[in-house]
Amino acid sequence: MKRSTVASLATAFALCAGAAVMLRAKPSSAEAPRTWDVAAERVRRDADIAFYMKRVSEDPTGALDELRLAALYLQRARERGAPADLLQAETSARRSLVNRRAHNAEAYRALALALIGQHRFIEARAAADSLVADDPSSVSARSLLGEILLELGEYPAADTIFTALDQSGVDPAVGSRIARWAALRGRSAHARALLTNARATVHEQFGVPAEQVAWFDLRLGELALTVGQHDDAAQHFAAALAIVPDDPRTHLALARLDLARDDAAGALEHSTTAMNLGEDPMAFAITSEAYRRQGDSLESDRYLAAFETAIAAAPPSAWHRDWQIALLDRGRQVDAVLAQAEADLKVRRDVFGWDLYAWALHHAGRNADASTAMAKALASGTEDVRLQAHARAIGMTGP
C-alpha cells in the first residue's frame, strides 16, 4: 500500500459500480458456467489506457478519446482503490467537456463519478444537474443526482427522485442506487431485494467487468453486515471473492465481519491482505484493532501510528467517516475529528454525518449535545448496528 496516497473511496466506489455495464447476447444453457479472467481484463484495460493516452497526445482536441480515458480511469480506480486514477478521470472528463460541451452528457456523468470518489459532492451535484438538464427523462441521470442528494443529506429531494424510479425493470446501476436510498430510509429488506435482482441481472450479462459483477455481492454482504446478519454477509463476501479473489475492498469487508464476530485472527489475516492489495488506510486501522484484541499493544500502536500517518496526507474534507470513527474509537484526534464533523455538517447533513458528530461529541465529554445530534442520525430509521451501538453508548435507546 502506498501510504502517501489516500482518499475516501469505499462509499464512493459503491456509487460508481455498475455505471458502465455493456450488454451482449446471453449464453445458451448448453454453455459452460460463467467464469471471469480478471488478469486478462486488467491487461486489456491498461493497454486501452496507453492507447487512448497516445491518441489524445496526438490530437488533444478530441472529446471522445478523453471520455474513453475517463471511463477507463474510473474502472481502474474501482479495481485498485487508487486515488490518482480518480484525479486522472476528472482531468480527462473536464478536457472532454472543454473540447465539446454540447451532446457530451457522458462526460458530465464521468466527471460526477470522479468527483464523488473524491467526496467533492457540491461539484458532483453541479455535474449531475448538467447531466439531468441535458436529458430530464434519463433514469440513469436522475438516479445519479439522487445518489448525490443522499450523500448531501437532502432526503426530501432524494425521496422525490427515488420514489418515482422505484419500480421493476430498472437496470442494475439504477437499482443499486435505489437500494441505497431504501436502506438509508429504513427499508433494508427492500434494499436487499433490489440488490439481489440486480445481482442476478449482471450475472447474465456479458461484457460487464468482473469487478462490477463482484461488487453486487460485496454490497449485499455489506448490507447484511450493517444489520447484523453475519452468516449472510459471509456468504456474499465469499461469492465476491470467487469472482475477484484479490479485491482489497472485499478483504477489508471480511476483516470487519471478523471483528464483529470477535475473530481477531481472521480480521488480521484479511486486513493484512487488503493492506498489501489496495490503498485504503482503513486496513491499518483494522490491523491495529485486531492486534489490540489479541493483546499485542506494541503492534497495535505501531499500526495505529501508520494509519494516522497515512490519512494525514489527505485533506480533511476527503477523510472517510470510517477513518474518523476509528480514530474516535481509540481516543485519538478527538478535537480534530469534532471540528471536521462540524465543518462537514455545513455541506452534508446526512445520517452518518450526524452520527459522526454525535460520536465525536460523546468522546469530547458532551453527552447532552451528543444525544441531540444522535436523535437526528436516528430520525430516518436507518437500520445500522453501529448507529444503535453509538446511541446506546450515549445513553439513548433509539427512535
Protein backbone atom coordinates (compact mmCIF):
# COMPACT_ATOMS: atom_id res chain seq x y z
CA MET A 1 0.00 0.00 0.00
CA LYS A 2 1.23 3.49 -0.82
CA ARG A 3 0.79 5.30 2.46
CA SER A 4 1.19 8.75 0.92
CA THR A 5 -1.70 8.32 -1.48
CA VAL A 6 -5.08 8.24 0.22
CA ALA A 7 -8.73 9.10 -0.42
CA SER A 8 -12.16 8.11 0.84
CA LEU A 9 -13.17 5.54 -1.68
CA ALA A 10 -15.33 2.89 -0.04
CA THR A 11 -18.75 4.62 -0.29
CA ALA A 12 -17.76 6.37 -3.48
CA PHE A 13 -16.90 3.16 -5.39
CA ALA A 14 -20.16 1.78 -4.20
CA LEU A 15 -21.75 4.66 -6.06
CA CYS A 16 -19.70 4.06 -9.21
CA ALA A 17 -20.19 0.32 -9.51
CA GLY A 18 -22.36 -0.78 -12.36
CA ALA A 19 -22.06 2.54 -14.18
CA ALA A 20 -20.51 1.14 -17.36
CA VAL A 21 -22.46 -2.07 -17.93
CA MET A 22 -22.34 -3.28 -21.54
CA LEU A 23 -24.83 -5.79 -22.87
CA ARG A 24 -24.20 -8.72 -25.17
CA ALA A 25 -26.09 -11.87 -26.00
CA LYS A 26 -26.79 -14.26 -23.13
CA PRO A 27 -25.07 -17.64 -23.23
CA SER A 28 -27.17 -20.65 -24.11
CA SER A 29 -27.98 -23.19 -21.43
CA ALA A 30 -25.55 -25.62 -23.07
CA GLU A 31 -22.55 -23.37 -22.49
CA ALA A 32 -20.11 -23.84 -19.61
CA PRO A 33 -20.70 -21.94 -16.32
CA ARG A 34 -19.63 -18.32 -16.33
CA THR A 35 -16.04 -17.55 -15.47
CA TRP A 36 -14.04 -14.32 -15.40
CA ASP A 37 -10.44 -13.80 -16.45
CA VAL A 38 -9.65 -10.87 -14.17
CA ALA A 39 -5.97 -10.70 -15.07
CA ALA A 40 -6.75 -10.50 -18.79
CA GLU A 41 -9.31 -7.76 -18.16
CA ARG A 42 -6.72 -5.69 -16.37
CA VAL A 43 -4.13 -6.18 -19.09
CA ARG A 44 -6.66 -5.04 -21.71
CA ARG A 45 -7.68 -2.07 -19.62
CA ASP A 46 -4.12 -0.86 -19.12
CA ALA A 47 -3.42 -1.37 -22.82
CA ASP A 48 -6.52 0.66 -23.64
CA ILE A 49 -5.38 3.44 -21.32
CA ALA A 50 -1.99 3.55 -23.07
CA PHE A 51 -3.72 3.53 -26.47
CA TYR A 52 -6.02 6.45 -25.69
CA MET A 53 -3.28 8.40 -23.94
CA LYS A 54 -1.32 8.22 -27.17
CA ARG A 55 -4.34 9.32 -29.17
CA VAL A 56 -5.07 12.36 -27.00
CA SER A 57 -1.39 13.35 -27.07
CA GLU A 58 -1.56 13.31 -30.87
CA ASP A 59 -4.93 15.07 -31.04
CA PRO A 60 -5.73 16.97 -27.82
CA THR A 61 -8.88 18.46 -29.35
CA GLY A 62 -10.84 15.19 -29.41
CA ALA A 63 -13.70 14.83 -26.92
CA LEU A 64 -14.46 11.14 -27.37
CA ASP A 65 -10.95 9.87 -26.68
CA GLU A 66 -10.79 11.89 -23.45
CA LEU A 67 -14.17 10.49 -22.44
CA ARG A 68 -12.97 6.95 -23.03
CA LEU A 69 -9.89 7.65 -20.94
CA ALA A 70 -12.05 8.97 -18.12
CA ALA A 71 -14.14 5.79 -18.13
CA LEU A 72 -11.03 3.60 -18.09
CA TYR A 73 -9.50 5.52 -15.20
CA LEU A 74 -12.75 5.20 -13.26
CA GLN A 75 -12.73 1.47 -13.82
CA ARG A 76 -9.14 1.14 -12.63
CA ALA A 77 -9.88 3.33 -9.61
CA ARG A 78 -12.65 0.94 -8.60
CA GLU A 79 -10.39 -2.08 -9.05
CA ARG A 80 -7.30 -0.71 -7.34
CA GLY A 81 -8.72 1.80 -4.92
CA ALA A 82 -6.29 4.29 -6.44
CA PRO A 83 -6.95 7.99 -5.71
CA ALA A 84 -4.60 9.04 -8.51
CA ASP A 85 -6.89 7.38 -11.07
CA LEU A 86 -9.83 9.44 -9.80
CA LEU A 87 -7.86 12.60 -10.43
CA GLN A 88 -6.95 11.37 -13.90
CA ALA A 89 -10.60 10.56 -14.60
CA GLU A 90 -11.63 14.04 -13.51
CA THR A 91 -8.99 15.65 -15.71
CA SER A 92 -9.99 13.63 -18.77
CA ALA A 93 -13.69 14.31 -18.24
CA ARG A 94 -13.08 18.04 -17.95
CA ARG A 95 -10.92 18.04 -21.08
CA SER A 96 -13.65 16.21 -22.94
CA LEU A 97 -16.14 18.90 -21.92
CA VAL A 98 -13.73 21.66 -22.93
CA ASN A 99 -13.37 20.06 -26.34
CA ARG A 100 -17.10 19.53 -26.79
CA ARG A 101 -19.75 20.63 -24.31
CA ALA A 102 -22.81 20.07 -26.49
CA HIS A 103 -24.07 16.49 -26.88
CA ASN A 104 -21.49 15.22 -24.41
CA ALA A 105 -23.63 14.11 -21.50
CA GLU A 106 -21.46 11.10 -20.72
CA ALA A 107 -18.57 13.41 -19.87
CA TYR A 108 -20.75 15.02 -17.18
CA ARG A 109 -21.50 11.55 -15.85
CA ALA A 110 -17.81 10.61 -15.72
CA LEU A 111 -16.98 13.93 -14.07
CA ALA A 112 -19.68 13.43 -11.44
CA LEU A 113 -18.42 9.95 -10.62
CA ALA A 114 -14.82 11.13 -10.34
CA LEU A 115 -15.86 13.93 -8.00
CA ILE A 116 -17.98 11.61 -5.88
CA GLY A 117 -14.94 9.42 -5.42
CA GLN A 118 -13.12 12.43 -4.00
CA HIS A 119 -16.05 13.43 -1.76
CA ARG A 120 -16.47 16.69 -3.65
CA PHE A 121 -20.24 16.41 -3.59
CA ILE A 122 -21.18 20.01 -4.31
CA GLU A 123 -19.18 19.93 -7.54
CA ALA A 124 -20.53 16.47 -8.31
CA ARG A 125 -24.06 17.79 -7.92
CA ALA A 126 -23.36 20.54 -10.43
CA ALA A 127 -22.15 17.96 -12.94
CA ALA A 128 -25.20 15.75 -12.28
CA ASP A 129 -27.50 18.76 -12.67
CA SER A 130 -25.98 19.38 -16.09
CA LEU A 131 -26.48 15.70 -16.94
CA VAL A 132 -30.16 15.84 -15.99
CA ALA A 133 -30.64 19.14 -17.81
CA ASP A 134 -29.27 17.52 -20.96
CA ASP A 135 -31.89 14.74 -20.74
CA PRO A 136 -34.51 15.17 -17.97
CA SER A 137 -36.10 11.84 -18.91
CA SER A 138 -32.90 9.84 -18.29
CA VAL A 139 -33.48 7.40 -15.44
CA SER A 140 -29.74 6.88 -15.04
CA ALA A 141 -29.03 10.61 -14.78
CA ARG A 142 -31.80 11.17 -12.25
CA SER A 143 -30.65 8.26 -10.12
CA LEU A 144 -27.10 9.63 -10.08
CA LEU A 145 -28.40 13.00 -8.94
CA GLY A 146 -30.50 11.25 -6.31
CA GLU A 147 -27.43 9.41 -5.03
CA ILE A 148 -25.56 12.67 -4.60
CA LEU A 149 -28.54 14.19 -2.79
CA LEU A 150 -28.41 11.26 -0.35
CA GLU A 151 -24.75 12.00 0.32
CA LEU A 152 -25.61 15.63 0.97
CA GLY A 153 -28.45 14.67 3.31
CA GLU A 154 -31.09 16.31 1.12
CA TYR A 155 -33.52 13.49 1.77
CA PRO A 156 -36.84 15.06 0.69
CA ALA A 157 -35.39 15.83 -2.75
CA ALA A 158 -33.86 12.36 -2.97
CA ASP A 159 -37.18 10.83 -1.88
CA THR A 160 -38.92 12.54 -4.77
CA ILE A 161 -36.47 11.15 -7.29
CA PHE A 162 -36.27 7.61 -5.97
CA THR A 163 -39.96 7.17 -5.24
CA ALA A 164 -40.60 7.78 -8.94
CA LEU A 165 -37.79 5.43 -10.00
CA ASP A 166 -38.57 2.61 -7.58
CA GLN A 167 -40.16 0.12 -9.94
CA SER A 168 -39.31 -3.19 -11.53
CA GLY A 169 -37.23 -3.39 -14.68
CA VAL A 170 -34.59 -0.76 -13.89
CA ASP A 171 -31.02 -1.53 -14.88
CA PRO A 172 -28.59 -2.77 -12.20
CA ALA A 173 -26.80 0.54 -11.72
CA VAL A 174 -30.07 2.35 -11.09
CA GLY A 175 -31.32 -0.50 -8.92
CA SER A 176 -28.24 -0.26 -6.71
CA ARG A 177 -28.85 3.44 -6.15
CA ILE A 178 -32.50 2.86 -5.30
CA ALA A 179 -31.33 0.17 -2.88
CA ARG A 180 -29.01 2.60 -1.12
CA TRP A 181 -31.88 5.04 -0.74
CA ALA A 182 -34.16 2.31 0.62
CA ALA A 183 -31.56 1.20 3.17
CA LEU A 184 -30.95 4.75 4.38
CA ARG A 185 -34.68 5.29 4.76
CA GLY A 186 -35.11 2.23 6.95
CA ARG A 187 -36.15 -0.35 4.34
CA SER A 188 -33.27 -2.79 4.37
CA ALA A 189 -35.39 -5.74 3.21
CA HIS A 190 -36.44 -3.82 0.11
CA ALA A 191 -32.84 -2.77 -0.49
CA ARG A 192 -31.76 -6.41 -0.28
CA ALA A 193 -34.43 -7.46 -2.79
CA LEU A 194 -33.36 -4.75 -5.24
CA LEU A 195 -29.70 -5.70 -4.98
CA THR A 196 -30.49 -9.39 -5.33
CA ASN A 197 -32.38 -8.72 -8.56
CA ALA A 198 -29.57 -6.50 -9.85
CA ARG A 199 -27.02 -9.19 -9.00
CA ALA A 200 -28.98 -11.79 -10.96
CA THR A 201 -29.13 -9.48 -13.95
CA VAL A 202 -25.40 -8.69 -14.12
CA HIS A 203 -24.54 -12.37 -13.77
CA GLU A 204 -26.40 -12.94 -17.05
CA GLN A 205 -24.78 -10.06 -18.91
CA PHE A 206 -21.55 -10.39 -20.86
CA GLY A 207 -19.12 -7.53 -21.23
CA VAL A 208 -19.51 -6.42 -17.60
CA PRO A 209 -16.12 -6.12 -15.85
CA ALA A 210 -15.60 -8.78 -13.20
CA GLU A 211 -15.13 -6.09 -10.56
CA GLN A 212 -18.62 -4.74 -11.20
CA VAL A 213 -20.18 -8.21 -11.10
CA ALA A 214 -18.47 -8.97 -7.80
CA TRP A 215 -19.49 -5.59 -6.40
CA PHE A 216 -23.13 -6.64 -6.13
CA ASP A 217 -22.20 -9.48 -3.80
CA LEU A 218 -19.89 -7.15 -1.91
CA ARG A 219 -22.71 -4.65 -1.50
CA LEU A 220 -25.17 -7.36 -0.40
CA GLY A 221 -22.62 -8.54 2.14
CA GLU A 222 -22.08 -5.02 3.44
CA LEU A 223 -25.83 -4.54 3.78
CA ALA A 224 -26.12 -7.80 5.72
CA LEU A 225 -23.20 -6.81 7.96
CA THR A 226 -24.80 -3.42 8.60
CA VAL A 227 -27.93 -5.05 10.01
CA GLY A 228 -26.06 -7.77 11.90
CA GLN A 229 -26.75 -10.74 9.59
CA HIS A 230 -23.27 -12.21 9.77
CA ASP A 231 -23.87 -15.53 8.02
CA ASP A 232 -25.47 -13.84 5.01
CA ALA A 233 -22.61 -11.35 4.90
CA ALA A 234 -20.05 -14.15 4.89
CA GLN A 235 -21.80 -15.94 2.01
CA HIS A 236 -21.89 -12.82 -0.16
CA PHE A 237 -18.30 -11.87 0.57
CA ALA A 238 -17.22 -15.38 -0.38
CA ALA A 239 -19.16 -15.09 -3.63
CA ALA A 240 -17.45 -11.77 -4.39
CA LEU A 241 -14.01 -13.26 -3.78
CA ALA A 242 -14.84 -16.19 -6.03
CA ILE A 243 -15.05 -13.68 -8.89
CA VAL A 244 -12.23 -11.29 -7.89
CA PRO A 245 -10.02 -13.04 -5.31
CA ASP A 246 -7.68 -10.09 -4.84
CA ASP A 247 -10.26 -7.31 -4.35
CA PRO A 248 -8.98 -5.30 -1.37
CA ARG A 249 -12.47 -3.95 -0.61
CA THR A 250 -13.83 -7.45 -0.06
CA HIS A 251 -10.91 -8.42 2.16
CA LEU A 252 -11.50 -5.27 4.23
CA ALA A 253 -15.20 -6.12 4.48
CA LEU A 254 -14.29 -9.62 5.66
CA ALA A 255 -11.97 -8.12 8.26
CA ARG A 256 -14.85 -6.00 9.57
CA LEU A 257 -17.04 -9.09 9.67
CA ASP A 258 -14.35 -10.97 11.60
CA LEU A 259 -14.17 -8.17 14.16
CA ALA A 260 -17.95 -8.22 14.50
CA ARG A 261 -17.65 -11.95 15.21
CA ASP A 262 -14.79 -11.38 17.68
CA ASP A 263 -12.39 -13.27 15.41
CA ALA A 264 -9.25 -11.17 15.76
CA ALA A 265 -7.06 -13.68 13.94
CA GLY A 266 -9.36 -13.73 10.92
CA ALA A 267 -9.56 -9.93 10.91
CA LEU A 268 -5.78 -9.71 10.98
CA GLU A 269 -5.45 -12.08 8.05
CA HIS A 270 -7.92 -10.20 5.86
CA SER A 271 -6.80 -6.70 6.83
CA THR A 272 -3.17 -7.59 6.09
CA THR A 273 -4.21 -8.95 2.70
CA ALA A 274 -6.15 -5.76 1.98
CA MET A 275 -3.14 -3.71 3.03
CA ASN A 276 -0.96 -5.49 0.50
CA LEU A 277 -3.51 -5.25 -2.32
CA GLY A 278 -5.02 -1.78 -2.02
CA GLU A 279 -4.52 1.77 -0.88
CA ASP A 280 -7.24 2.28 1.74
CA PRO A 281 -5.65 3.34 5.05
CA MET A 282 -8.52 1.65 6.88
CA ALA A 283 -6.54 -1.57 6.55
CA PHE A 284 -4.01 -0.13 9.02
CA ALA A 285 -6.76 0.76 11.49
CA ILE A 286 -8.38 -2.67 11.35
CA THR A 287 -4.98 -4.36 11.69
CA SER A 288 -4.32 -2.22 14.75
CA GLU A 289 -7.65 -3.19 16.29
CA ALA A 290 -7.07 -6.87 15.57
CA TYR A 291 -3.71 -6.76 17.34
CA ARG A 292 -5.27 -4.86 20.24
CA ARG A 293 -7.86 -7.59 20.69
CA GLN A 294 -5.09 -10.17 20.65
CA GLY A 295 -3.37 -8.30 23.46
CA ASP A 296 -0.40 -7.17 21.37
CA SER A 297 -0.29 -3.49 22.31
CA LEU A 298 3.08 -2.88 20.63
CA GLU A 299 1.92 -3.98 17.18
CA SER A 300 -1.46 -2.33 17.71
CA ASP A 301 0.15 1.03 18.44
CA ARG A 302 2.53 0.64 15.51
CA TYR A 303 -0.28 0.13 13.02
CA LEU A 304 -2.40 2.85 14.58
CA ALA A 305 0.50 5.26 14.07
CA ALA A 306 0.82 4.09 10.46
CA PHE A 307 -2.90 4.73 9.99
CA GLU A 308 -2.62 8.27 11.34
CA THR A 309 0.41 8.95 9.13
CA ALA A 310 -1.41 7.66 6.06
CA ILE A 311 -4.57 9.73 6.49
CA ALA A 312 -2.57 12.85 7.29
CA ALA A 313 -1.67 13.02 3.59
CA ALA A 314 -5.32 13.57 2.64
CA PRO A 315 -7.17 16.86 3.09
CA PRO A 316 -9.69 16.69 5.97
CA SER A 317 -12.58 17.11 3.52
CA ALA A 318 -11.58 13.80 1.89
CA TRP A 319 -11.40 11.81 5.10
CA HIS A 320 -13.71 8.82 5.09
CA ARG A 321 -16.04 8.68 8.06
CA ASP A 322 -14.81 5.17 8.88
CA TRP A 323 -11.37 6.69 9.36
CA GLN A 324 -12.76 9.28 11.75
CA ILE A 325 -14.79 6.72 13.69
CA ALA A 326 -11.68 4.55 14.01
CA LEU A 327 -9.77 7.48 15.50
CA LEU A 328 -12.56 8.24 17.95
CA ASP A 329 -12.86 4.59 18.98
CA ARG A 330 -9.20 4.72 20.03
CA GLY A 331 -9.50 8.18 21.61
CA ARG A 332 -7.22 9.77 19.02
CA GLN A 333 -7.51 13.27 17.50
CA VAL A 334 -10.90 13.82 19.13
CA ASP A 335 -10.82 17.62 18.85
CA ALA A 336 -9.70 17.48 15.21
CA VAL A 337 -12.40 14.98 14.26
CA LEU A 338 -15.04 17.00 16.09
CA ALA A 339 -14.01 20.12 14.17
CA GLN A 340 -14.10 18.19 10.89
CA ALA A 341 -17.55 16.78 11.71
CA GLU A 342 -18.90 20.25 12.47
CA ALA A 343 -17.49 21.58 9.20
CA ASP A 344 -18.82 18.63 7.22
CA LEU A 345 -22.36 19.18 8.51
CA LYS A 346 -22.38 22.56 6.80
CA VAL A 347 -22.31 20.67 3.49
CA ARG A 348 -23.51 17.11 4.24
CA ARG A 349 -26.35 16.86 6.77
CA ASP A 350 -26.89 13.15 6.25
CA VAL A 351 -27.46 10.29 8.69
CA PHE A 352 -23.82 9.36 9.01
CA GLY A 353 -22.68 12.95 9.32
CA TRP A 354 -24.93 13.36 12.37
CA ASP A 355 -23.73 10.01 13.75
CA LEU A 356 -20.07 11.04 13.41
CA TYR A 357 -20.80 14.39 15.05
CA ALA A 358 -22.65 12.71 17.92
CA TRP A 359 -19.85 10.18 18.44
CA ALA A 360 -17.23 12.94 18.45
CA LEU A 361 -19.26 14.96 20.95
CA HIS A 362 -19.57 11.86 23.14
CA HIS A 363 -15.80 11.35 23.13
CA ALA A 364 -15.35 15.03 23.91
CA GLY A 365 -17.49 14.57 27.03
CA ARG A 366 -20.51 16.49 25.70
CA ASN A 367 -23.19 13.84 26.02
CA ALA A 368 -26.17 16.20 26.12
CA ASP A 369 -25.16 17.66 22.77
CA ALA A 370 -24.32 14.17 21.52
CA SER A 371 -27.86 12.99 22.30
CA THR A 372 -29.35 15.86 20.28
CA ALA A 373 -27.13 15.04 17.30
CA MET A 374 -27.76 11.31 17.61
CA ALA A 375 -31.52 11.87 17.54
CA LYS A 376 -31.06 13.41 14.10
CA ALA A 377 -28.96 10.44 12.99
CA LEU A 378 -31.74 8.06 14.06
CA ALA A 379 -34.60 10.10 12.63
CA SER A 380 -34.65 8.33 9.25
CA GLY A 381 -34.96 4.90 10.81
CA THR A 382 -31.80 3.62 9.13
CA GLU A 383 -31.10 0.04 10.19
CA ASP A 384 -27.47 0.00 11.24
CA VAL A 385 -25.97 -1.83 14.19
CA ARG A 386 -23.25 0.78 14.60
CA LEU A 387 -25.78 3.61 14.84
CA GLN A 388 -27.63 1.70 17.51
CA ALA A 389 -24.41 0.92 19.40
CA HIS A 390 -23.46 4.59 19.39
CA ALA A 391 -26.92 5.56 20.59
CA ARG A 392 -26.70 3.10 23.48
CA ALA A 393 -23.25 4.32 24.47
CA ILE A 394 -24.53 7.90 24.51
CA GLY A 395 -27.43 6.79 26.70
CA MET A 396 -30.23 6.58 24.16
CA THR A 397 -32.46 3.64 23.26
CA GLY A 398 -33.17 4.59 19.62
CA PRO A 399 -36.25 6.08 17.99
